[in-house]
Amino acid sequence: LEFTADSLVAISKEALKRKTGARALRSIVEEIMLDVMFDLPELESKGRYLVTEDVVKGVKPLFENKQPDKKSA
């Protein structure tokens, strides 16, 4: 699971709107992680997933952003 720089900015902006400090950060990341916890085990193709600004804002689902696995030598 990887977070883009834009997704981190979107998470922090949303946390500022909620005005609850670290609890807001935790809540936002937990909302994103719900997809991972419940949907990922059932997917046949596992790999790396990219959390983008659109995922944070709820515009796109997390699992549309699968990145190919990079194999190391």
Protein backbone atom coordinates (compact mmCIF):
# COMPACT_ATOMS: atom_id res chain seq x y z
CA LEU A 1 0.00 0.00 0.00
CA GLU A 2 1.51 3.31 -1.07
CA PHE A 3 0.30 6.86 -0.49
CA THR A 4 0.96 9.59 -3.06
CA ALA A 5 2.06 13.02 -1.89
CA ASP A 6 -1.31 14.41 -3.03
CA SER A 7 -3.16 11.83 -0.94
CA LEU A 8 -1.24 12.83 2.17
CA VAL A 9 -2.09 16.48 1.55
CA ALA A 10 -5.77 15.56 1.10
CA ILE A 11 -5.72 13.55 4.34
CA SER A 12 -4.17 16.43 6.26
CA LYS A 13 -6.64 18.97 4.83
CA GLU A 14 -9.57 16.75 5.78
CA ALA A 15 -8.13 16.32 9.28
CA LEU A 16 -7.89 20.11 9.66
CA LYS A 17 -11.56 20.43 8.66
CA ARG A 18 -12.55 17.94 11.36
CA LYS A 19 -10.56 19.87 14.00
CA THR A 20 -9.83 16.81 16.10
CA GLY A 21 -6.07 16.54 15.61
CA ALA A 22 -4.48 13.12 15.45
CA ARG A 23 -7.87 11.45 15.91
CA ALA A 24 -8.98 12.88 12.58
CA LEU A 25 -5.85 11.54 10.88
CA ARG A 26 -6.46 8.12 12.37
CA SER A 27 -10.12 8.14 11.38
CA ILE A 28 -9.42 9.10 7.77
CA VAL A 29 -6.72 6.47 7.32
CA GLU A 30 -8.97 3.85 8.97
CA GLU A 31 -11.71 4.66 6.45
CA ILE A 32 -9.26 3.99 3.62
CA MET A 33 -8.00 0.83 5.30
CA LEU A 34 -11.50 -0.67 5.57
CA ASP A 35 -11.31 -1.53 1.87
CA VAL A 36 -7.95 -3.16 2.42
CA MET A 37 -9.05 -5.17 5.45
CA PHE A 38 -12.28 -6.50 3.98
CA ASP A 39 -11.80 -6.60 0.21
CA LEU A 40 -8.12 -7.40 -0.33
CA PRO A 41 -8.17 -10.94 1.11
CA GLU A 42 -10.85 -11.90 -1.43
CA LEU A 43 -9.03 -10.50 -4.48
CA GLU A 44 -7.21 -13.02 -6.63
CA SER A 45 -4.52 -10.65 -7.86
CA LYS A 46 -2.63 -9.12 -5.00
CA GLY A 47 0.10 -6.57 -5.39
CA ARG A 48 0.85 -2.96 -4.64
CA TYR A 49 -1.98 -0.47 -4.35
CA LEU A 50 -1.73 3.29 -4.69
CA VAL A 51 -3.76 5.59 -2.44
CA THR A 52 -4.37 8.77 -4.42
CA GLU A 53 -6.14 12.02 -3.65
CA ASP A 54 -9.26 10.67 -5.42
CA VAL A 55 -9.26 7.61 -3.15
CA VAL A 56 -9.05 9.83 -0.06
CA LYS A 57 -11.90 12.02 -1.33
CA GLY A 58 -14.01 8.97 -2.19
CA VAL A 59 -14.09 9.72 -5.91
CA LYS A 60 -12.44 6.42 -6.88
CA PRO A 61 -12.18 3.07 -5.10
CA LEU A 62 -8.77 1.95 -3.89
CA PHE A 63 -8.64 -1.22 -5.93
CA GLU A 64 -8.81 0.57 -9.28
CA ASN A 65 -5.31 1.88 -8.52
CA LYS A 66 -3.37 -1.38 -8.52
CA GLN A 67 0.26 -0.94 -9.49
CA PRO A 68 2.24 -3.79 -11.04
CA ASP A 69 4.58 -5.61 -8.70
CA LYS A 70 8.21 -4.62 -9.13
CA LYS A 71 10.46 -7.61 -9.00
CA SER A 72 13.91 -7.11 -7.56
CA ALA A 73 16.90 -8.99 -8.89
